[in-house]
Amino acid sequence: MTRVVFETGAVGYVHSHFHAQLKYGESGEFDALVDGVEKRRRAGDSVYLDPNVVHGVVCREAGVLLDMFSQARERVLKEIKA
């Protein structure tokens, strides 16, 4: 699990990965793009992403997203530890 803090206007670039992902909005407001569909997400919202689904966010109000992955994203864990 990772906890990602976003300032207003920050972008979580559009990407995909082979991991399944569960995303939970701890706070803030985001425009989330998932598989070509954009939807406003707010604190308390969650979304499950199948592996290889294209997704990204734009932060509209400063906030925090919790991202949980299955299987662990080793590259992300290495970056956090660095």
PDB file of N, CA and C in Angstrom:
ATOM      1  N   MET A   1       0.847  -1.174   0.000  1.00  0.00           N
ATOM      2  CA  MET A   1       0.000   0.000   0.000  1.00  0.00           C
ATOM      3  C   MET A   1       0.890   1.233   0.000  1.00  0.00           C
ATOM      4  N   THR A   2       0.477   2.239  -0.757  1.00  0.00           N
ATOM      5  CA  THR A   2       1.179   3.514  -0.742  1.00  0.00           C
ATOM      6  C   THR A   2       0.173   4.615  -0.427  1.00  0.00           C
ATOM      7  N   ARG A   3       0.668   5.674   0.192  1.00  0.00           N
ATOM      8  CA  ARG A   3      -0.138   6.859   0.506  1.00  0.00           C
ATOM      9  C   ARG A   3       0.477   8.007  -0.286  1.00  0.00           C
ATOM     10  N   VAL A   4      -0.295   8.546  -1.237  1.00  0.00           N
ATOM     11  CA  VAL A   4       0.230   9.555  -2.143  1.00  0.00           C
ATOM     12  C   VAL A   4      -0.467  10.890  -1.869  1.00  0.00           C
ATOM     13  N   VAL A   5       0.331  11.908  -1.556  1.00  0.00           N
ATOM     14  CA  VAL A   5      -0.188  13.243  -1.261  1.00  0.00           C
ATOM     15  C   VAL A   5      -0.123  14.087  -2.532  1.00  0.00           C
ATOM     16  N   PHE A   6      -1.239  14.719  -2.890  1.00  0.00           N
ATOM     17  CA  PHE A   6      -1.339  15.543  -4.085  1.00  0.00           C
ATOM     18  C   PHE A   6      -1.676  16.979  -3.714  1.00  0.00           C
ATOM     19  N   GLU A   7      -1.025  17.919  -4.356  1.00  0.00           N
ATOM     20  CA  GLU A   7      -1.401  19.324  -4.274  1.00  0.00           C
ATOM     21  C   GLU A   7      -2.392  19.608  -5.408  1.00  0.00           C
ATOM     22  N   THR A   8      -3.202  20.633  -5.259  1.00  0.00           N
ATOM     23  CA  THR A   8      -4.143  21.016  -6.306  1.00  0.00           C
ATOM     24  C   THR A   8      -3.390  21.211  -7.628  1.00  0.00           C
ATOM     25  N   GLY A   9      -3.904  20.594  -8.685  1.00  0.00           N
ATOM     26  CA  GLY A   9      -3.301  20.689 -10.011  1.00  0.00           C
ATOM     27  C   GLY A   9      -2.294  19.604 -10.328  1.00  0.00           C
ATOM     28  N   ALA A  10      -1.882  18.837  -9.327  1.00  0.00           N
ATOM     29  CA  ALA A  10      -0.915  17.757  -9.569  1.00  0.00           C
ATOM     30  C   ALA A  10      -1.549  16.677 -10.452  1.00  0.00           C
ATOM     31  N   VAL A  11      -0.693  16.005 -11.224  1.00  0.00           N
ATOM     32  CA  VAL A  11      -1.159  14.995 -12.170  1.00  0.00           C
ATOM     33  C   VAL A  11      -0.528  13.645 -11.852  1.00  0.00           C
ATOM     34  N   GLY A  12      -1.349  12.635 -11.742  1.00  0.00           N
ATOM     35  CA  GLY A  12      -0.892  11.244 -11.724  1.00  0.00           C
ATOM     36  C   GLY A  12      -0.997  10.785 -13.168  1.00  0.00           C
ATOM     37  N   TYR A  13       0.128  10.729 -13.857  1.00  0.00           N
ATOM     38  CA  TYR A  13       0.122  10.515 -15.309  1.00  0.00           C
ATOM     39  C   TYR A  13      -0.638   9.249 -15.724  1.00  0.00           C
ATOM     40  N   VAL A  14      -1.162   9.266 -16.918  1.00  0.00           N
ATOM     41  CA  VAL A  14      -1.920   8.131 -17.461  1.00  0.00           C
ATOM     42  C   VAL A  14      -0.948   6.999 -17.750  1.00  0.00           C
ATOM     43  N   HIS A  15      -1.265   5.813 -17.225  1.00  0.00           N
ATOM     44  CA  HIS A  15      -0.383   4.661 -17.360  1.00  0.00           C
ATOM     45  C   HIS A  15      -1.176   3.374 -17.133  1.00  0.00           C
ATOM     46  N   SER A  16      -0.512   2.261 -17.262  1.00  0.00           N
ATOM     47  CA  SER A  16      -1.088   0.962 -16.914  1.00  0.00           C
ATOM     48  C   SER A  16       0.035   0.086 -16.380  1.00  0.00           C
ATOM     49  N   HIS A  17      -0.335  -0.991 -15.702  1.00  0.00           N
ATOM     50  CA  HIS A  17       0.632  -1.951 -15.175  1.00  0.00           C
ATOM     51  C   HIS A  17      -0.067  -3.290 -14.996  1.00  0.00           C
ATOM     52  N   PHE A  18       0.716  -4.335 -14.850  1.00  0.00           N
ATOM     53  CA  PHE A  18       0.130  -5.673 -14.767  1.00  0.00           C
ATOM     54  C   PHE A  18      -0.416  -6.010 -13.382  1.00  0.00           C
ATOM     55  N   HIS A  19      -0.345  -5.076 -12.456  1.00  0.00           N
ATOM     56  CA  HIS A  19      -0.854  -5.293 -11.105  1.00  0.00           C
ATOM     57  C   HIS A  19      -2.338  -4.923 -11.025  1.00  0.00           C
ATOM     58  N   ALA A  20      -3.119  -5.668 -10.261  1.00  0.00           N
ATOM     59  CA  ALA A  20      -4.459  -5.226  -9.885  1.00  0.00           C
ATOM     60  C   ALA A  20      -4.278  -4.110  -8.861  1.00  0.00           C
ATOM     61  N   GLN A  21      -5.205  -3.156  -8.828  1.00  0.00           N
ATOM     62  CA  GLN A  21      -5.047  -2.007  -7.935  1.00  0.00           C
ATOM     63  C   GLN A  21      -6.388  -1.620  -7.329  1.00  0.00           C
ATOM     64  N   LEU A  22      -6.356  -1.271  -6.057  1.00  0.00           N
ATOM     65  CA  LEU A  22      -7.501  -0.687  -5.374  1.00  0.00           C
ATOM     66  C   LEU A  22      -7.084   0.699  -4.935  1.00  0.00           C
ATOM     67  N   LYS A  23      -7.871   1.699  -5.290  1.00  0.00           N
ATOM     68  CA  LYS A  23      -7.552   3.096  -4.998  1.00  0.00           C
ATOM     69  C   LYS A  23      -8.644   3.639  -4.079  1.00  0.00           C
ATOM     70  N   TYR A  24      -8.241   4.293  -2.975  1.00  0.00           N
ATOM     71  CA  TYR A  24      -9.177   4.867  -2.012  1.00  0.00           C
ATOM     72  C   TYR A  24      -8.837   6.329  -1.775  1.00  0.00           C
ATOM     73  N   GLY A  25      -9.839   7.199  -1.861  1.00  0.00           N
ATOM     74  CA  GLY A  25      -9.641   8.622  -1.619  1.00  0.00           C
ATOM     75  C   GLY A  25      -9.758   8.942  -0.140  1.00  0.00           C
ATOM     76  N   GLU A  26      -8.625   9.239   0.477  1.00  0.00           N
ATOM     77  CA  GLU A  26      -8.615   9.613   1.892  1.00  0.00           C
ATOM     78  C   GLU A  26      -9.135  11.034   2.071  1.00  0.00           C
ATOM     79  N   SER A  27      -8.754  11.916   1.141  1.00  0.00           N
ATOM     80  CA  SER A  27      -9.196  13.312   1.190  1.00  0.00           C
ATOM     81  C   SER A  27      -9.036  13.920  -0.192  1.00  0.00           C
ATOM     82  N   GLY A  28      -9.601  15.111  -0.385  1.00  0.00           N
ATOM     83  CA  GLY A  28      -9.434  15.828  -1.636  1.00  0.00           C
ATOM     84  C   GLY A  28     -10.467  15.473  -2.684  1.00  0.00           C
ATOM     85  N   GLU A  29     -10.192  15.948  -3.903  1.00  0.00           N
ATOM     86  CA  GLU A  29     -11.088  15.738  -5.037  1.00  0.00           C
ATOM     87  C   GLU A  29     -10.237  15.559  -6.292  1.00  0.00           C
ATOM     88  N   PHE A  30     -10.569  14.558  -7.093  1.00  0.00           N
ATOM     89  CA  PHE A  30      -9.757  14.180  -8.246  1.00  0.00           C
ATOM     90  C   PHE A  30     -10.635  13.897  -9.453  1.00  0.00           C
ATOM     91  N   ASP A  31     -10.149  14.240 -10.634  1.00  0.00           N
ATOM     92  CA  ASP A  31     -10.739  13.753 -11.876  1.00  0.00           C
ATOM     93  C   ASP A  31      -9.938  12.518 -12.240  1.00  0.00           C
ATOM     94  N   ALA A  32     -10.608  11.374 -12.213  1.00  0.00           N
ATOM     95  CA  ALA A  32      -9.930  10.101 -12.456  1.00  0.00           C
ATOM     96  C   ALA A  32     -10.329   9.549 -13.817  1.00  0.00           C
ATOM     97  N   LEU A  33      -9.327   9.210 -14.612  1.00  0.00           N
ATOM     98  CA  LEU A  33      -9.537   8.568 -15.894  1.00  0.00           C
ATOM     99  C   LEU A  33      -9.269   7.078 -15.726  1.00  0.00           C
ATOM    100  N   VAL A  34     -10.272   6.257 -16.023  1.00  0.00           N
ATOM    101  CA  VAL A  34     -10.135   4.800 -15.917  1.00  0.00           C
ATOM    102  C   VAL A  34     -10.694   4.183 -17.191  1.00  0.00           C
ATOM    103  N   ASP A  35      -9.822   3.565 -17.958  1.00  0.00           N
ATOM    104  CA  ASP A  35     -10.222   2.859 -19.181  1.00  0.00           C
ATOM    105  C   ASP A  35     -11.031   3.772 -20.114  1.00  0.00           C
ATOM    106  N   GLY A  36     -10.567   5.024 -20.252  1.00  0.00           N
ATOM    107  CA  GLY A  36     -11.196   5.957 -21.178  1.00  0.00           C
ATOM    108  C   GLY A  36     -12.381   6.732 -20.623  1.00  0.00           C
ATOM    109  N   VAL A  37     -12.786   6.450 -19.382  1.00  0.00           N
ATOM    110  CA  VAL A  37     -13.930   7.131 -18.772  1.00  0.00           C
ATOM    111  C   VAL A  37     -13.433   8.005 -17.630  1.00  0.00           C
ATOM    112  N   GLU A  38     -13.787   9.306 -17.703  1.00  0.00           N
ATOM    113  CA  GLU A  38     -13.374  10.224 -16.638  1.00  0.00           C
ATOM    114  C   GLU A  38     -14.530  10.433 -15.668  1.00  0.00           C
ATOM    115  N   LYS A  39     -14.212  10.436 -14.360  1.00  0.00           N
ATOM    116  CA  LYS A  39     -15.224  10.603 -13.331  1.00  0.00           C
ATOM    117  C   LYS A  39     -14.622  11.364 -12.165  1.00  0.00           C
ATOM    118  N   ARG A  40     -15.391  12.258 -11.567  1.00  0.00           N
ATOM    119  CA  ARG A  40     -14.949  12.999 -10.379  1.00  0.00           C
ATOM    120  C   ARG A  40     -14.987  12.051  -9.179  1.00  0.00           C
ATOM    121  N   ARG A  41     -13.870  11.994  -8.456  1.00  0.00           N
ATOM    122  CA  ARG A  41     -13.759  11.150  -7.252  1.00  0.00           C
ATOM    123  C   ARG A  41     -13.483  12.045  -6.059  1.00  0.00           C
ATOM    124  N   ARG A  42     -14.140  11.733  -4.944  1.00  0.00           N
ATOM    125  CA  ARG A  42     -14.008  12.534  -3.724  1.00  0.00           C
ATOM    126  C   ARG A  42     -13.587  11.647  -2.553  1.00  0.00           C
ATOM    127  N   ALA A  43     -13.275  12.287  -1.442  1.00  0.00           N
ATOM    128  CA  ALA A  43     -12.899  11.546  -0.230  1.00  0.00           C
ATOM    129  C   ALA A  43     -13.961  10.488   0.063  1.00  0.00           C
ATOM    130  N   GLY A  44     -13.490   9.272   0.365  1.00  0.00           N
ATOM    131  CA  GLY A  44     -14.384   8.155   0.659  1.00  0.00           C
ATOM    132  C   GLY A  44     -14.695   7.280  -0.534  1.00  0.00           C
ATOM    133  N   ASP A  45     -14.416   7.769  -1.745  1.00  0.00           N
ATOM    134  CA  ASP A  45     -14.643   6.964  -2.950  1.00  0.00           C
ATOM    135  C   ASP A  45     -13.508   5.956  -3.119  1.00  0.00           C
ATOM    136  N   SER A  46     -13.840   4.834  -3.740  1.00  0.00           N
ATOM    137  CA  SER A  46     -12.811   3.853  -4.076  1.00  0.00           C
ATOM    138  C   SER A  46     -13.092   3.300  -5.466  1.00  0.00           C
ATOM    139  N   VAL A  47     -12.056   2.734  -6.057  1.00  0.00           N
ATOM    140  CA  VAL A  47     -12.200   2.129  -7.378  1.00  0.00           C
ATOM    141  C   VAL A  47     -11.221   0.962  -7.480  1.00  0.00           C
ATOM    142  N   TYR A  48     -11.687  -0.129  -8.070  1.00  0.00           N
ATOM    143  CA  TYR A  48     -10.839  -1.290  -8.336  1.00  0.00           C
ATOM    144  C   TYR A  48     -10.417  -1.238  -9.797  1.00  0.00           C
ATOM    145  N   LEU A  49      -9.135  -1.469 -10.049  1.00  0.00           N
ATOM    146  CA  LEU A  49      -8.596  -1.479 -11.408  1.00  0.00           C
ATOM    147  C   LEU A  49      -8.057  -2.867 -11.728  1.00  0.00           C
ATOM    148  N   ASP A  50      -8.611  -3.477 -12.771  1.00  0.00           N
ATOM    149  CA  ASP A  50      -8.067  -4.742 -13.245  1.00  0.00           C
ATOM    150  C   ASP A  50      -6.652  -4.520 -13.774  1.00  0.00           C
ATOM    151  N   PRO A  51      -5.841  -5.563 -13.852  1.00  0.00           N
ATOM    152  CA  PRO A  51      -4.506  -5.428 -14.442  1.00  0.00           C
ATOM    153  C   PRO A  51      -4.597  -4.855 -15.863  1.00  0.00           C
ATOM    154  N   ASN A  52      -3.609  -4.030 -16.207  1.00  0.00           N
ATOM    155  CA  ASN A  52      -3.434  -3.460 -17.544  1.00  0.00           C
ATOM    156  C   ASN A  52      -4.476  -2.423 -17.954  1.00  0.00           C
ATOM    157  N   VAL A  53      -5.308  -1.964 -17.022  1.00  0.00           N
ATOM    158  CA  VAL A  53      -6.282  -0.911 -17.328  1.00  0.00           C
ATOM    159  C   VAL A  53      -5.560   0.439 -17.307  1.00  0.00           C
ATOM    160  N   VAL A  54      -5.764   1.238 -18.349  1.00  0.00           N
ATOM    161  CA  VAL A  54      -5.158   2.562 -18.435  1.00  0.00           C
ATOM    162  C   VAL A  54      -5.886   3.495 -17.465  1.00  0.00           C
ATOM    163  N   HIS A  55      -5.097   4.230 -16.643  1.00  0.00           N
ATOM    164  CA  HIS A  55      -5.700   5.108 -15.637  1.00  0.00           C
ATOM    165  C   HIS A  55      -4.760   6.249 -15.260  1.00  0.00           C
ATOM    166  N   GLY A  56      -5.327   7.289 -14.670  1.00  0.00           N
ATOM    167  CA  GLY A  56      -4.564   8.437 -14.200  1.00  0.00           C
ATOM    168  C   GLY A  56      -5.500   9.398 -13.476  1.00  0.00           C
ATOM    169  N   VAL A  57      -4.941  10.397 -12.806  1.00  0.00           N
ATOM    170  CA  VAL A  57      -5.755  11.377 -12.078  1.00  0.00           C
ATOM    171  C   VAL A  57      -5.198  12.786 -12.258  1.00  0.00           C
ATOM    172  N   VAL A  58      -6.096  13.763 -12.097  1.00  0.00           N
ATOM    173  CA  VAL A  58      -5.728  15.161 -11.966  1.00  0.00           C
ATOM    174  C   VAL A  58      -6.361  15.632 -10.666  1.00  0.00           C
ATOM    175  N   CYS A  59      -5.551  16.190  -9.784  1.00  0.00           N
ATOM    176  CA  CYS A  59      -6.037  16.635  -8.485  1.00  0.00           C
ATOM    177  C   CYS A  59      -6.729  17.987  -8.623  1.00  0.00           C
ATOM    178  N   ARG A  60      -7.989  18.067  -8.242  1.00  0.00           N
ATOM    179  CA  ARG A  60      -8.770  19.306  -8.320  1.00  0.00           C
ATOM    180  C   ARG A  60      -8.808  20.032  -6.977  1.00  0.00           C
ATOM    181  N   GLU A  61      -8.660  19.275  -5.884  1.00  0.00           N
ATOM    182  CA  GLU A  61      -8.577  19.838  -4.530  1.00  0.00           C
ATOM    183  C   GLU A  61      -7.554  19.005  -3.772  1.00  0.00           C
ATOM    184  N   ALA A  62      -6.550  19.650  -3.198  1.00  0.00           N
ATOM    185  CA  ALA A  62      -5.457  18.927  -2.538  1.00  0.00           C
ATOM    186  C   ALA A  62      -5.991  17.760  -1.709  1.00  0.00           C
ATOM    187  N   GLY A  63      -5.308  16.633  -1.794  1.00  0.00           N
ATOM    188  CA  GLY A  63      -5.787  15.456  -1.080  1.00  0.00           C
ATOM    189  C   GLY A  63      -4.808  14.314  -1.093  1.00  0.00           C
ATOM    190  N   VAL A  64      -5.296  13.175  -0.604  1.00  0.00           N
ATOM    191  CA  VAL A  64      -4.473  11.978  -0.442  1.00  0.00           C
ATOM    192  C   VAL A  64      -5.204  10.778  -1.036  1.00  0.00           C
ATOM    193  N   LEU A  65      -4.467   9.977  -1.807  1.00  0.00           N
ATOM    194  CA  LEU A  65      -4.976   8.709  -2.317  1.00  0.00           C
ATOM    195  C   LEU A  65      -4.185   7.565  -1.709  1.00  0.00           C
ATOM    196  N   LEU A  66      -4.889   6.519  -1.321  1.00  0.00           N
ATOM    197  CA  LEU A  66      -4.250   5.280  -0.883  1.00  0.00           C
ATOM    198  C   LEU A  66      -4.345   4.296  -2.034  1.00  0.00           C
ATOM    199  N   ASP A  67      -3.203   3.754  -2.446  1.00  0.00           N
ATOM    200  CA  ASP A  67      -3.145   2.788  -3.539  1.00  0.00           C
ATOM    201  C   ASP A  67      -2.665   1.451  -2.997  1.00  0.00           C
ATOM    202  N   MET A  68      -3.450   0.416  -3.253  1.00  0.00           N
ATOM    203  CA  MET A  68      -3.088  -0.940  -2.843  1.00  0.00           C
ATOM    204  C   MET A  68      -2.941  -1.794  -4.095  1.00  0.00           C
ATOM    205  N   PHE A  69      -1.889  -2.594  -4.138  1.00  0.00           N
ATOM    206  CA  PHE A  69      -1.559  -3.376  -5.325  1.00  0.00           C
ATOM    207  C   PHE A  69      -1.463  -4.862  -5.011  1.00  0.00           C
ATOM    208  N   SER A  70      -1.835  -5.661  -5.980  1.00  0.00           N
ATOM    209  CA  SER A  70      -1.653  -7.102  -5.888  1.00  0.00           C
ATOM    210  C   SER A  70      -1.106  -7.551  -7.239  1.00  0.00           C
ATOM    211  N   GLN A  71      -0.044  -8.012  -7.291  1.00  0.00           N
ATOM    212  CA  GLN A  71       1.086  -8.286  -6.437  1.00  0.00           C
ATOM    213  C   GLN A  71       1.820  -6.999  -6.131  1.00  0.00           C
ATOM    214  N   ALA A  72       2.694  -7.014  -5.153  1.00  0.00           N
ATOM    215  CA  ALA A  72       3.400  -5.794  -4.749  1.00  0.00           C
ATOM    216  C   ALA A  72       4.142  -5.193  -5.935  1.00  0.00           C
ATOM    217  N   ARG A  73       4.156  -3.863  -6.008  1.00  0.00           N
ATOM    218  CA  ARG A  73       4.905  -3.167  -7.065  1.00  0.00           C
ATOM    219  C   ARG A  73       6.319  -2.927  -6.553  1.00  0.00           C
ATOM    220  N   GLU A  74       7.211  -3.837  -6.865  1.00  0.00           N
ATOM    221  CA  GLU A  74       8.589  -3.790  -6.370  1.00  0.00           C
ATOM    222  C   GLU A  74       9.297  -2.489  -6.733  1.00  0.00           C
ATOM    223  N   ARG A  75       9.076  -1.972  -7.948  1.00  0.00           N
ATOM    224  CA  ARG A  75       9.737  -0.733  -8.371  1.00  0.00           C
ATOM    225  C   ARG A  75       9.321   0.415  -7.461  1.00  0.00           C
ATOM    226  N   VAL A  76       8.046   0.507  -7.132  1.00  0.00           N
ATOM    227  CA  VAL A  76       7.545   1.573  -6.270  1.00  0.00           C
ATOM    228  C   VAL A  76       8.139   1.424  -4.875  1.00  0.00           C
ATOM    229  N   LEU A  77       8.198   0.219  -4.357  1.00  0.00           N
ATOM    230  CA  LEU A  77       8.772  -0.009  -3.033  1.00  0.00           C
ATOM    231  C   LEU A  77      10.241   0.415  -2.984  1.00  0.00           C
ATOM    232  N   LYS A  78      10.985   0.146  -4.055  1.00  0.00           N
ATOM    233  CA  LYS A  78      12.392   0.555  -4.106  1.00  0.00           C
ATOM    234  C   LYS A  78      12.511   2.059  -4.116  1.00  0.00           C
ATOM    235  N   GLU A  79      11.638   2.752  -4.862  1.00  0.00           N
ATOM    236  CA  GLU A  79      11.680   4.222  -4.917  1.00  0.00           C
ATOM    237  C   GLU A  79      11.364   4.830  -3.554  1.00  0.00           C
ATOM    238  N   ILE A  80      10.434   4.259  -2.834  1.00  0.00           N
ATOM    239  CA  ILE A  80      10.041   4.765  -1.516  1.00  0.00           C
ATOM    240  C   ILE A  80      11.193   4.619  -0.529  1.00  0.00           C
ATOM    241  N   LYS A  81      11.908   3.506  -0.608  1.00  0.00           N
ATOM    242  CA  LYS A  81      13.008   3.220   0.321  1.00  0.00           C
ATOM    243  C   LYS A  81      14.244   4.068   0.023  1.00  0.00           C
ATOM    244  N   ALA A  82      14.359   4.584  -1.212  1.00  0.00           N
ATOM    245  CA  ALA A  82      15.556   5.338  -1.623  1.00  0.00           C
ATOM    246  C   ALA A  82      15.619   6.702  -0.967  1.00  0.00           C
TER     247      ALA A  82
END
